[in-house]
Structure formats: C-alpha cells, structure tokens
C-alpha cells in the first residue's frame, strides 16, 4: 500500500519550502512531489516510503495534513496503456480523482491513481493484462 500525503498552507513560497525542508531535516526522502497554488493557499502532495516518520514530523510540528491510500500501477511504456487501465477502472464503476506519472524503469512506467474506492480499484487493476499493482 502506498500513501499520498497532502498539506494545505497559507503564506508565500518560502513557507512552502519550509514544509519540504522539514521533511529533509527528518531524513524523509520523497518519491515524488507536486505543488500548486490555488487562490491564497499552497497545496503539497507527495509520496514517501517513510509514512510513519512523516506523520510524526507533521504532528510534532503541529501541521495539519491529510493522507490517503493510492494505487501505484506498473505498465509497459506503450501508447494507450494508461488510458486502457484508466478506462477499465472507470468502466467498472471506479471514479478517478487524479493520476500522475511516478517514474520509469526500463520499459515500464509507474503511475499513481487516486480513486474513490481503493480496494475495488486494486482488485480490478490486478486483472488488467500487462499491469501490476503495488
């Protein structure tokens, strides 16, 4: 199971950097990170292999955060693979909230899928040929 963490904070770019620096100070490595400014707030979403350490760091710093289970799907790097997997999920009644590329290793791509029903999506994705699920 992979966990995506999310923080929302007001302030400027320096405040955003301070949050990410807090993780580095705790020796928490990020697998991926995405940031966005929407109206007056910054949003930071990331994956890390140090879930418990991350929770402790945020609680110690009294920073509110959200977390959710996400699907990490490996698939061959071929045209249409992502849409094939996404369509299979949607056609089976799973709603996509967001998806993004996690990385590439050899001839395989790793995508993150944030969905409304993690357990159902995990079972379904395991049934798609040429895909494997973390």
C-alpha atoms as a PDB file:
ATOM      1  CA  UNK A   1       0.000   0.000   0.000  1.00  0.00           C
ATOM      2  CA  UNK A   2       1.224   3.468  -0.879  1.00  0.00           C
ATOM      3  CA  UNK A   3       0.158   6.607   0.973  1.00  0.00           C
ATOM      4  CA  UNK A   4      -0.167  10.069  -0.533  1.00  0.00           C
ATOM      5  CA  UNK A   5       0.203  12.933   1.936  1.00  0.00           C
ATOM      6  CA  UNK A   6      -1.303  16.373   1.380  1.00  0.00           C
ATOM      7  CA  UNK A   7      -0.768  19.662   3.148  1.00  0.00           C
ATOM      8  CA  UNK A   8      -2.502  22.976   2.537  1.00  0.00           C
ATOM      9  CA  UNK A   9      -0.910  26.149   3.811  1.00  0.00           C
ATOM     10  CA  UNK A  10      -1.292  29.879   3.523  1.00  0.00           C
ATOM     11  CA  UNK A  11       1.663  32.144   3.027  1.00  0.00           C
ATOM     12  CA  UNK A  12       4.283  32.582   0.372  1.00  0.00           C
ATOM     13  CA  UNK A  13       6.754  30.381  -1.459  1.00  0.00           C
ATOM     14  CA  UNK A  14       9.153  30.422   1.487  1.00  0.00           C
ATOM     15  CA  UNK A  15       6.512  28.762   3.682  1.00  0.00           C
ATOM     16  CA  UNK A  16       6.114  26.065   1.057  1.00  0.00           C
ATOM     17  CA  UNK A  17       9.865  25.456   1.030  1.00  0.00           C
ATOM     18  CA  UNK A  18       9.956  25.350   4.826  1.00  0.00           C
ATOM     19  CA  UNK A  19       7.473  22.469   4.841  1.00  0.00           C
ATOM     20  CA  UNK A  20       9.537  20.447   2.391  1.00  0.00           C
ATOM     21  CA  UNK A  21      12.738  21.314   4.282  1.00  0.00           C
ATOM     22  CA  UNK A  22      11.141  19.973   7.474  1.00  0.00           C
ATOM     23  CA  UNK A  23      10.903  16.568   5.828  1.00  0.00           C
ATOM     24  CA  UNK A  24      14.517  16.716   4.665  1.00  0.00           C
ATOM     25  CA  UNK A  25      15.659  17.630   8.186  1.00  0.00           C
ATOM     26  CA  UNK A  26      13.945  14.468   9.430  1.00  0.00           C
ATOM     27  CA  UNK A  27      15.759  12.435   6.717  1.00  0.00           C
ATOM     28  CA  UNK A  28      12.474  11.701   4.950  1.00  0.00           C
ATOM     29  CA  UNK A  29      13.071  11.080   1.263  1.00  0.00           C
ATOM     30  CA  UNK A  30      10.353  11.929  -1.243  1.00  0.00           C
ATOM     31  CA  UNK A  31       9.473   9.556  -4.075  1.00  0.00           C
ATOM     32  CA  UNK A  32       7.542  12.289  -5.862  1.00  0.00           C
ATOM     33  CA  UNK A  33       6.135  15.713  -5.049  1.00  0.00           C
ATOM     34  CA  UNK A  34       3.600  18.051  -6.639  1.00  0.00           C
ATOM     35  CA  UNK A  35       2.816  21.592  -5.534  1.00  0.00           C
ATOM     36  CA  UNK A  36       0.203  24.076  -6.654  1.00  0.00           C
ATOM     37  CA  UNK A  37      -1.037  27.471  -5.571  1.00  0.00           C
ATOM     38  CA  UNK A  38      -4.807  27.756  -5.692  1.00  0.00           C
ATOM     39  CA  UNK A  39      -6.125  31.168  -4.730  1.00  0.00           C
ATOM     40  CA  UNK A  40      -4.332  32.034  -1.456  1.00  0.00           C
ATOM     41  CA  UNK A  41      -3.161  28.522  -0.478  1.00  0.00           C
ATOM     42  CA  UNK A  42      -0.319  26.263  -1.457  1.00  0.00           C
ATOM     43  CA  UNK A  43      -1.040  22.557  -1.766  1.00  0.00           C
ATOM     44  CA  UNK A  44       1.698  19.981  -1.455  1.00  0.00           C
ATOM     45  CA  UNK A  45       1.143  16.326  -2.295  1.00  0.00           C
ATOM     46  CA  UNK A  46       3.829  13.699  -2.123  1.00  0.00           C
ATOM     47  CA  UNK A  47       4.698  10.051  -1.723  1.00  0.00           C
ATOM     48  CA  UNK A  48       7.417   8.739   0.536  1.00  0.00           C
ATOM     49  CA  UNK A  49       8.489   5.357   1.790  1.00  0.00           C
ATOM     50  CA  UNK A  50       8.654   6.790   5.325  1.00  0.00           C
ATOM     51  CA  UNK A  51       4.974   7.098   6.209  1.00  0.00           C
ATOM     52  CA  UNK A  52       5.277   6.786   9.991  1.00  0.00           C
ATOM     53  CA  UNK A  53       8.214   9.202  10.178  1.00  0.00           C
ATOM     54  CA  UNK A  54       6.278  11.673   8.047  1.00  0.00           C
ATOM     55  CA  UNK A  55       3.226  11.513  10.321  1.00  0.00           C
ATOM     56  CA  UNK A  56       5.392  12.044  13.402  1.00  0.00           C
ATOM     57  CA  UNK A  57       7.187  15.019  11.826  1.00  0.00           C
ATOM     58  CA  UNK A  58       3.904  16.742  10.949  1.00  0.00           C
ATOM     59  CA  UNK A  59       2.336  16.029  14.335  1.00  0.00           C
ATOM     60  CA  UNK A  60       5.440  17.262  16.153  1.00  0.00           C
ATOM     61  CA  UNK A  61       5.390  20.464  14.074  1.00  0.00           C
ATOM     62  CA  UNK A  62       1.614  20.774  14.667  1.00  0.00           C
ATOM     63  CA  UNK A  63       0.923  20.811  10.924  1.00  0.00           C
ATOM     64  CA  UNK A  64      -2.472  19.562   9.763  1.00  0.00           C
ATOM     65  CA  UNK A  65      -2.248  17.057   6.935  1.00  0.00           C
ATOM     66  CA  UNK A  66      -4.355  14.571   5.019  1.00  0.00           C
ATOM     67  CA  UNK A  67      -3.394  11.143   3.835  1.00  0.00           C
ATOM     68  CA  UNK A  68      -4.987   8.573   1.574  1.00  0.00           C
ATOM     69  CA  UNK A  69      -4.188   5.223   0.018  1.00  0.00           C
ATOM     70  CA  UNK A  70      -3.258   5.411  -3.630  1.00  0.00           C
ATOM     71  CA  UNK A  71      -2.741   2.791  -6.281  1.00  0.00           C
ATOM     72  CA  UNK A  72       0.680   2.535  -7.892  1.00  0.00           C
ATOM     73  CA  UNK A  73       0.371   0.704 -11.189  1.00  0.00           C
ATOM     74  CA  UNK A  74       3.273  -0.552 -13.302  1.00  0.00           C
ATOM     75  CA  UNK A  75       2.585  -0.901 -17.006  1.00  0.00           C
ATOM     76  CA  UNK A  76       4.520  -1.247 -20.223  1.00  0.00           C
ATOM     77  CA  UNK A  77       5.613   2.008 -21.821  1.00  0.00           C
ATOM     78  CA  UNK A  78       3.407   1.752 -24.894  1.00  0.00           C
ATOM     79  CA  UNK A  79       0.880   4.158 -26.400  1.00  0.00           C
ATOM     80  CA  UNK A  80      -2.540   3.832 -24.817  1.00  0.00           C
ATOM     81  CA  UNK A  81      -1.550   1.807 -21.743  1.00  0.00           C
ATOM     82  CA  UNK A  82      -2.527   4.490 -19.231  1.00  0.00           C
ATOM     83  CA  UNK A  83      -5.884   5.167 -20.877  1.00  0.00           C
ATOM     84  CA  UNK A  84      -6.537   1.422 -21.101  1.00  0.00           C
ATOM     85  CA  UNK A  85      -6.023   0.998 -17.345  1.00  0.00           C
ATOM     86  CA  UNK A  86      -7.983   4.172 -16.501  1.00  0.00           C
ATOM     87  CA  UNK A  87     -10.858   3.184 -18.782  1.00  0.00           C
ATOM     88  CA  UNK A  88     -11.036  -0.279 -17.239  1.00  0.00           C
ATOM     89  CA  UNK A  89     -11.357   1.293 -13.781  1.00  0.00           C
ATOM     90  CA  UNK A  90     -13.964   3.850 -14.862  1.00  0.00           C
ATOM     91  CA  UNK A  91     -15.993   1.302 -16.840  1.00  0.00           C
ATOM     92  CA  UNK A  92     -16.012  -0.900 -13.708  1.00  0.00           C
ATOM     93  CA  UNK A  93     -17.508   1.880 -11.592  1.00  0.00           C
ATOM     94  CA  UNK A  94     -14.381   3.372 -10.002  1.00  0.00           C
ATOM     95  CA  UNK A  95     -14.089   7.155 -10.196  1.00  0.00           C
ATOM     96  CA  UNK A  96     -10.670   8.695 -10.824  1.00  0.00           C
ATOM     97  CA  UNK A  97      -9.807  11.668  -8.634  1.00  0.00           C
ATOM     98  CA  UNK A  98      -6.348  12.232 -10.060  1.00  0.00           C
ATOM     99  CA  UNK A  99      -3.478  10.375 -11.677  1.00  0.00           C
ATOM    100  CA  UNK A 100       0.144  11.178 -12.374  1.00  0.00           C
ATOM    101  CA  UNK A 101       3.392   9.599 -13.524  1.00  0.00           C
ATOM    102  CA  UNK A 102       5.601   8.361 -10.695  1.00  0.00           C
ATOM    103  CA  UNK A 103       8.533   7.270 -12.820  1.00  0.00           C
ATOM    104  CA  UNK A 104      10.011   4.983 -15.424  1.00  0.00           C
ATOM    105  CA  UNK A 105      12.248   1.947 -15.077  1.00  0.00           C
ATOM    106  CA  UNK A 106      13.346   0.202 -18.243  1.00  0.00           C
ATOM    107  CA  UNK A 107      10.343  -0.485 -20.448  1.00  0.00           C
ATOM    108  CA  UNK A 108       7.847   0.069 -17.608  1.00  0.00           C
ATOM    109  CA  UNK A 109       6.063   3.197 -16.394  1.00  0.00           C
ATOM    110  CA  UNK A 110       4.721   3.655 -12.855  1.00  0.00           C
ATOM    111  CA  UNK A 111       1.519   5.653 -12.473  1.00  0.00           C
ATOM    112  CA  UNK A 112      -0.326   6.770  -9.356  1.00  0.00           C
ATOM    113  CA  UNK A 113      -4.116   6.537  -9.407  1.00  0.00           C
ATOM    114  CA  UNK A 114      -6.145   8.312  -6.726  1.00  0.00           C
ATOM    115  CA  UNK A 115      -9.616   6.772  -6.775  1.00  0.00           C
ATOM    116  CA  UNK A 116     -12.859   6.836  -4.824  1.00  0.00           C
ATOM    117  CA  UNK A 117     -12.723   3.098  -3.980  1.00  0.00           C
ATOM    118  CA  UNK A 118      -9.151   1.932  -3.372  1.00  0.00           C
ATOM    119  CA  UNK A 119      -9.960  -1.719  -2.544  1.00  0.00           C
ATOM    120  CA  UNK A 120     -12.128  -2.209  -5.615  1.00  0.00           C
ATOM    121  CA  UNK A 121      -9.596  -0.478  -7.864  1.00  0.00           C
ATOM    122  CA  UNK A 122      -6.742  -2.596  -6.511  1.00  0.00           C
ATOM    123  CA  UNK A 123      -8.613  -5.812  -7.335  1.00  0.00           C
ATOM    124  CA  UNK A 124      -9.584  -4.552 -10.778  1.00  0.00           C
ATOM    125  CA  UNK A 125      -6.154  -3.276 -11.727  1.00  0.00           C
ATOM    126  CA  UNK A 126      -4.620  -6.617 -10.844  1.00  0.00           C
ATOM    127  CA  UNK A 127      -6.850  -8.145 -13.555  1.00  0.00           C
ATOM    128  CA  UNK A 128      -5.532  -5.932 -16.356  1.00  0.00           C
ATOM    129  CA  UNK A 129      -3.015  -7.753 -18.519  1.00  0.00           C
ATOM    130  CA  UNK A 130       0.432  -6.111 -18.677  1.00  0.00           C
ATOM    131  CA  UNK A 131      -0.143  -4.260 -15.376  1.00  0.00           C
ATOM    132  CA  UNK A 132       0.954  -4.953 -11.834  1.00  0.00           C
ATOM    133  CA  UNK A 133      -0.100  -3.164  -8.652  1.00  0.00           C
ATOM    134  CA  UNK A 134       1.844  -2.100  -5.556  1.00  0.00           C
END
